[in-house]
Amino acid sequence: MKESPRHRPGGKYCGRTAKLSKEQMNEIRRRSGQEEEKKALAAEFGISRQTLYRIIKG
């Protein structure tokens, strides 16, 4: 079985560390459902709108 290119031998992950915690992502999802402006949410959390939409989509 081939290993993912993001994993090293021994099971170590080689990707970028997450900028937002799971709690922050849940907060974004909750507030976006309350019709809060997406641009303002992205600016508040220091992420792009594209990243924000990716988080909302799940």
PDB file of N, CA and C in Angstrom:
ATOM      1  N   MET A   1       0.853  -1.183   0.000  1.00  0.00           N
ATOM      2  CA  MET A   1       0.000   0.000   0.000  1.00  0.00           C
ATOM      3  C   MET A   1       0.896   1.242   0.000  1.00  0.00           C
ATOM      4  N   LYS A   2       0.575   2.180  -0.854  1.00  0.00           N
ATOM      5  CA  LYS A   2       1.329   3.426  -0.945  1.00  0.00           C
ATOM      6  C   LYS A   2       0.923   4.378   0.167  1.00  0.00           C
ATOM      7  N   GLU A   3       1.908   5.083   0.720  1.00  0.00           N
ATOM      8  CA  GLU A   3       1.595   6.069   1.749  1.00  0.00           C
ATOM      9  C   GLU A   3       1.293   7.416   1.110  1.00  0.00           C
ATOM     10  N   SER A   4       0.517   8.213   1.806  1.00  0.00           N
ATOM     11  CA  SER A   4       0.191   9.555   1.355  1.00  0.00           C
ATOM     12  C   SER A   4       1.467  10.380   1.292  1.00  0.00           C
ATOM     13  N   PRO A   5       1.601  11.280   0.304  1.00  0.00           N
ATOM     14  CA  PRO A   5       2.808  12.104   0.223  1.00  0.00           C
ATOM     15  C   PRO A   5       2.959  13.055   1.403  1.00  0.00           C
ATOM     16  N   ARG A   6       1.901  13.241   2.192  1.00  0.00           N
ATOM     17  CA  ARG A   6       1.980  14.131   3.354  1.00  0.00           C
ATOM     18  C   ARG A   6       2.449  13.410   4.616  1.00  0.00           C
ATOM     19  N   HIS A   7       2.681  12.119   4.512  1.00  0.00           N
ATOM     20  CA  HIS A   7       3.118  11.355   5.669  1.00  0.00           C
ATOM     21  C   HIS A   7       4.526  10.828   5.444  1.00  0.00           C
ATOM     22  N   ARG A   8       5.291  10.833   6.484  1.00  0.00           N
ATOM     23  CA  ARG A   8       6.640  10.291   6.444  1.00  0.00           C
ATOM     24  C   ARG A   8       6.612   8.881   7.010  1.00  0.00           C
ATOM     25  N   PRO A   9       7.666   8.145   6.750  1.00  0.00           N
ATOM     26  CA  PRO A   9       7.751   6.828   7.390  1.00  0.00           C
ATOM     27  C   PRO A   9       7.667   6.987   8.908  1.00  0.00           C
ATOM     28  N   GLY A  10       6.975   6.108   9.543  1.00  0.00           N
ATOM     29  CA  GLY A  10       6.787   6.197  10.981  1.00  0.00           C
ATOM     30  C   GLY A  10       5.503   6.904  11.351  1.00  0.00           C
ATOM     31  N   GLY A  11       4.732   7.347  10.355  1.00  0.00           N
ATOM     32  CA  GLY A  11       3.438   7.948  10.609  1.00  0.00           C
ATOM     33  C   GLY A  11       3.453   9.424  10.941  1.00  0.00           C
ATOM     34  N   LYS A  12       4.585  10.097  10.749  1.00  0.00           N
ATOM     35  CA  LYS A  12       4.644  11.525  11.059  1.00  0.00           C
ATOM     36  C   LYS A  12       4.035  12.340   9.922  1.00  0.00           C
ATOM     37  N   TYR A  13       3.234  13.333  10.288  1.00  0.00           N
ATOM     38  CA  TYR A  13       2.574  14.211   9.313  1.00  0.00           C
ATOM     39  C   TYR A  13       3.510  15.339   8.926  1.00  0.00           C
ATOM     40  N   CYS A  14       3.560  15.669   7.631  1.00  0.00           N
ATOM     41  CA  CYS A  14       4.492  16.677   7.131  1.00  0.00           C
ATOM     42  C   CYS A  14       3.802  17.920   6.603  1.00  0.00           C
ATOM     43  N   GLY A  15       2.542  18.101   6.877  1.00  0.00           N
ATOM     44  CA  GLY A  15       1.812  19.236   6.331  1.00  0.00           C
ATOM     45  C   GLY A  15       1.982  20.487   7.172  1.00  0.00           C
ATOM     46  N   ARG A  16       1.334  21.533   6.742  1.00  0.00           N
ATOM     47  CA  ARG A  16       1.360  22.803   7.448  1.00  0.00           C
ATOM     48  C   ARG A  16       0.519  22.702   8.730  1.00  0.00           C
ATOM     49  N   THR A  17       0.954  23.385   9.774  1.00  0.00           N
ATOM     50  CA  THR A  17       0.167  23.374  11.002  1.00  0.00           C
ATOM     51  C   THR A  17      -1.082  24.227  10.819  1.00  0.00           C
ATOM     52  N   ALA A  18      -2.135  23.850  11.499  1.00  0.00           N
ATOM     53  CA  ALA A  18      -3.410  24.547  11.350  1.00  0.00           C
ATOM     54  C   ALA A  18      -3.336  25.947  11.948  1.00  0.00           C
ATOM     55  N   LYS A  19      -3.908  26.912  11.245  1.00  0.00           N
ATOM     56  CA  LYS A  19      -3.930  28.288  11.729  1.00  0.00           C
ATOM     57  C   LYS A  19      -5.074  28.500  12.709  1.00  0.00           C
ATOM     58  N   LEU A  20      -6.161  27.761  12.501  1.00  0.00           N
ATOM     59  CA  LEU A  20      -7.336  27.895  13.362  1.00  0.00           C
ATOM     60  C   LEU A  20      -7.575  26.609  14.134  1.00  0.00           C
ATOM     61  N   SER A  21      -8.054  26.757  15.345  1.00  0.00           N
ATOM     62  CA  SER A  21      -8.408  25.584  16.148  1.00  0.00           C
ATOM     63  C   SER A  21      -9.791  25.075  15.717  1.00  0.00           C
ATOM     64  N   LYS A  22     -10.141  23.905  16.170  1.00  0.00           N
ATOM     65  CA  LYS A  22     -11.463  23.355  15.860  1.00  0.00           C
ATOM     66  C   LYS A  22     -12.563  24.229  16.448  1.00  0.00           C
ATOM     67  N   GLU A  23     -12.308  24.813  17.618  1.00  0.00           N
ATOM     68  CA  GLU A  23     -13.288  25.705  18.239  1.00  0.00           C
ATOM     69  C   GLU A  23     -13.519  26.945  17.372  1.00  0.00           C
ATOM     70  N   GLN A  24     -12.441  27.491  16.821  1.00  0.00           N
ATOM     71  CA  GLN A  24     -12.568  28.664  15.947  1.00  0.00           C
ATOM     72  C   GLN A  24     -13.340  28.314  14.681  1.00  0.00           C
ATOM     73  N   MET A  25     -13.085  27.139  14.121  1.00  0.00           N
ATOM     74  CA  MET A  25     -13.806  26.716  12.922  1.00  0.00           C
ATOM     75  C   MET A  25     -15.292  26.562  13.218  1.00  0.00           C
ATOM     76  N   ASN A  26     -15.612  25.995  14.374  1.00  0.00           N
ATOM     77  CA  ASN A  26     -17.021  25.854  14.755  1.00  0.00           C
ATOM     78  C   ASN A  26     -17.660  27.227  14.947  1.00  0.00           C
ATOM     79  N   GLU A  27     -16.929  28.163  15.512  1.00  0.00           N
ATOM     80  CA  GLU A  27     -17.422  29.533  15.695  1.00  0.00           C
ATOM     81  C   GLU A  27     -17.708  30.189  14.342  1.00  0.00           C
ATOM     82  N   ILE A  28     -16.834  29.985  13.381  1.00  0.00           N
ATOM     83  CA  ILE A  28     -17.037  30.530  12.029  1.00  0.00           C
ATOM     84  C   ILE A  28     -18.311  29.947  11.420  1.00  0.00           C
ATOM     85  N   ARG A  29     -18.484  28.632  11.528  1.00  0.00           N
ATOM     86  CA  ARG A  29     -19.686  27.989  10.973  1.00  0.00           C
ATOM     87  C   ARG A  29     -20.951  28.528  11.635  1.00  0.00           C
ATOM     88  N   ARG A  30     -20.906  28.679  12.951  1.00  0.00           N
ATOM     89  CA  ARG A  30     -22.076  29.165  13.688  1.00  0.00           C
ATOM     90  C   ARG A  30     -22.422  30.593  13.281  1.00  0.00           C
ATOM     91  N   ARG A  31     -21.415  31.455  13.241  1.00  0.00           N
ATOM     92  CA  ARG A  31     -21.662  32.864  12.931  1.00  0.00           C
ATOM     93  C   ARG A  31     -22.013  33.085  11.469  1.00  0.00           C
ATOM     94  N   SER A  32     -21.500  32.260  10.570  1.00  0.00           N
ATOM     95  CA  SER A  32     -21.850  32.418   9.155  1.00  0.00           C
ATOM     96  C   SER A  32     -23.310  32.041   8.929  1.00  0.00           C
ATOM     97  N   GLY A  33     -23.827  31.136   9.757  1.00  0.00           N
ATOM     98  CA  GLY A  33     -25.232  30.750   9.671  1.00  0.00           C
ATOM     99  C   GLY A  33     -26.168  31.829  10.191  1.00  0.00           C
ATOM    100  N   GLN A  34     -25.620  32.795  10.899  1.00  0.00           N
ATOM    101  CA  GLN A  34     -26.415  33.902  11.433  1.00  0.00           C
ATOM    102  C   GLN A  34     -26.346  35.128  10.527  1.00  0.00           C
ATOM    103  N   GLU A  35     -26.031  34.899   9.275  1.00  0.00           N
ATOM    104  CA  GLU A  35     -25.999  35.962   8.259  1.00  0.00           C
ATOM    105  C   GLU A  35     -24.970  37.060   8.552  1.00  0.00           C
ATOM    106  N   GLU A  36     -23.908  36.707   9.276  1.00  0.00           N
ATOM    107  CA  GLU A  36     -22.842  37.677   9.491  1.00  0.00           C
ATOM    108  C   GLU A  36     -22.034  37.807   8.196  1.00  0.00           C
ATOM    109  N   GLU A  37     -21.540  38.993   7.922  1.00  0.00           N
ATOM    110  CA  GLU A  37     -20.827  39.249   6.670  1.00  0.00           C
ATOM    111  C   GLU A  37     -19.550  38.417   6.606  1.00  0.00           C
ATOM    112  N   LYS A  38     -19.403  37.674   5.513  1.00  0.00           N
ATOM    113  CA  LYS A  38     -18.278  36.758   5.353  1.00  0.00           C
ATOM    114  C   LYS A  38     -16.942  37.500   5.319  1.00  0.00           C
ATOM    115  N   LYS A  39     -16.927  38.643   4.677  1.00  0.00           N
ATOM    116  CA  LYS A  39     -15.699  39.430   4.571  1.00  0.00           C
ATOM    117  C   LYS A  39     -15.204  39.853   5.954  1.00  0.00           C
ATOM    118  N   ALA A  40     -16.127  40.256   6.821  1.00  0.00           N
ATOM    119  CA  ALA A  40     -15.776  40.679   8.173  1.00  0.00           C
ATOM    120  C   ALA A  40     -15.279  39.489   9.008  1.00  0.00           C
ATOM    121  N   LEU A  41     -15.917  38.336   8.853  1.00  0.00           N
ATOM    122  CA  LEU A  41     -15.478  37.138   9.568  1.00  0.00           C
ATOM    123  C   LEU A  41     -14.058  36.752   9.162  1.00  0.00           C
ATOM    124  N   ALA A  42     -13.798  36.762   7.871  1.00  0.00           N
ATOM    125  CA  ALA A  42     -12.471  36.399   7.375  1.00  0.00           C
ATOM    126  C   ALA A  42     -11.413  37.347   7.929  1.00  0.00           C
ATOM    127  N   ALA A  43     -11.713  38.635   7.935  1.00  0.00           N
ATOM    128  CA  ALA A  43     -10.760  39.621   8.451  1.00  0.00           C
ATOM    129  C   ALA A  43     -10.530  39.422   9.947  1.00  0.00           C
ATOM    130  N   GLU A  44     -11.574  39.145  10.690  1.00  0.00           N
ATOM    131  CA  GLU A  44     -11.462  38.956  12.132  1.00  0.00           C
ATOM    132  C   GLU A  44     -10.561  37.773  12.487  1.00  0.00           C
ATOM    133  N   PHE A  45     -10.682  36.692  11.716  1.00  0.00           N
ATOM    134  CA  PHE A  45      -9.897  35.491  11.995  1.00  0.00           C
ATOM    135  C   PHE A  45      -8.567  35.467  11.246  1.00  0.00           C
ATOM    136  N   GLY A  46      -8.312  36.457  10.406  1.00  0.00           N
ATOM    137  CA  GLY A  46      -7.035  36.540   9.693  1.00  0.00           C
ATOM    138  C   GLY A  46      -6.866  35.502   8.607  1.00  0.00           C
ATOM    139  N   ILE A  47      -7.970  35.188   7.924  1.00  0.00           N
ATOM    140  CA  ILE A  47      -7.936  34.210   6.837  1.00  0.00           C
ATOM    141  C   ILE A  47      -8.568  34.826   5.595  1.00  0.00           C
ATOM    142  N   SER A  48      -8.367  34.187   4.446  1.00  0.00           N
ATOM    143  CA  SER A  48      -8.973  34.678   3.214  1.00  0.00           C
ATOM    144  C   SER A  48     -10.431  34.243   3.136  1.00  0.00           C
ATOM    145  N   ARG A  49     -11.199  34.904   2.281  1.00  0.00           N
ATOM    146  CA  ARG A  49     -12.597  34.505   2.094  1.00  0.00           C
ATOM    147  C   ARG A  49     -12.675  33.098   1.522  1.00  0.00           C
ATOM    148  N   GLN A  50     -11.723  32.738   0.665  1.00  0.00           N
ATOM    149  CA  GLN A  50     -11.705  31.395   0.095  1.00  0.00           C
ATOM    150  C   GLN A  50     -11.556  30.343   1.196  1.00  0.00           C
ATOM    151  N   THR A  51     -10.656  30.595   2.136  1.00  0.00           N
ATOM    152  CA  THR A  51     -10.472  29.680   3.260  1.00  0.00           C
ATOM    153  C   THR A  51     -11.726  29.634   4.114  1.00  0.00           C
ATOM    154  N   LEU A  52     -12.336  30.776   4.329  1.00  0.00           N
ATOM    155  CA  LEU A  52     -13.567  30.841   5.112  1.00  0.00           C
ATOM    156  C   LEU A  52     -14.660  29.969   4.485  1.00  0.00           C
ATOM    157  N   TYR A  53     -14.839  30.083   3.187  1.00  0.00           N
ATOM    158  CA  TYR A  53     -15.858  29.277   2.507  1.00  0.00           C
ATOM    159  C   TYR A  53     -15.517  27.789   2.560  1.00  0.00           C
ATOM    160  N   ARG A  54     -14.237  27.459   2.516  1.00  0.00           N
ATOM    161  CA  ARG A  54     -13.815  26.057   2.615  1.00  0.00           C
ATOM    162  C   ARG A  54     -14.171  25.500   3.995  1.00  0.00           C
ATOM    163  N   ILE A  55     -13.991  26.319   5.031  1.00  0.00           N
ATOM    164  CA  ILE A  55     -14.341  25.903   6.384  1.00  0.00           C
ATOM    165  C   ILE A  55     -15.848  25.719   6.522  1.00  0.00           C
ATOM    166  N   ILE A  56     -16.613  26.666   5.978  1.00  0.00           N
ATOM    167  CA  ILE A  56     -18.076  26.602   6.065  1.00  0.00           C
ATOM    168  C   ILE A  56     -18.604  25.349   5.351  1.00  0.00           C
ATOM    169  N   LYS A  57     -18.016  25.058   4.196  1.00  0.00           N
ATOM    170  CA  LYS A  57     -18.460  23.907   3.419  1.00  0.00           C
ATOM    171  C   LYS A  57     -18.201  22.599   4.164  1.00  0.00           C
ATOM    172  N   GLY A  58     -17.157  22.600   4.978  1.00  0.00           N
ATOM    173  CA  GLY A  58     -16.904  21.430   5.812  1.00  0.00           C
ATOM    174  C   GLY A  58     -15.820  20.606   5.278  1.00  0.00           C
TER     175      GLY A  58
END
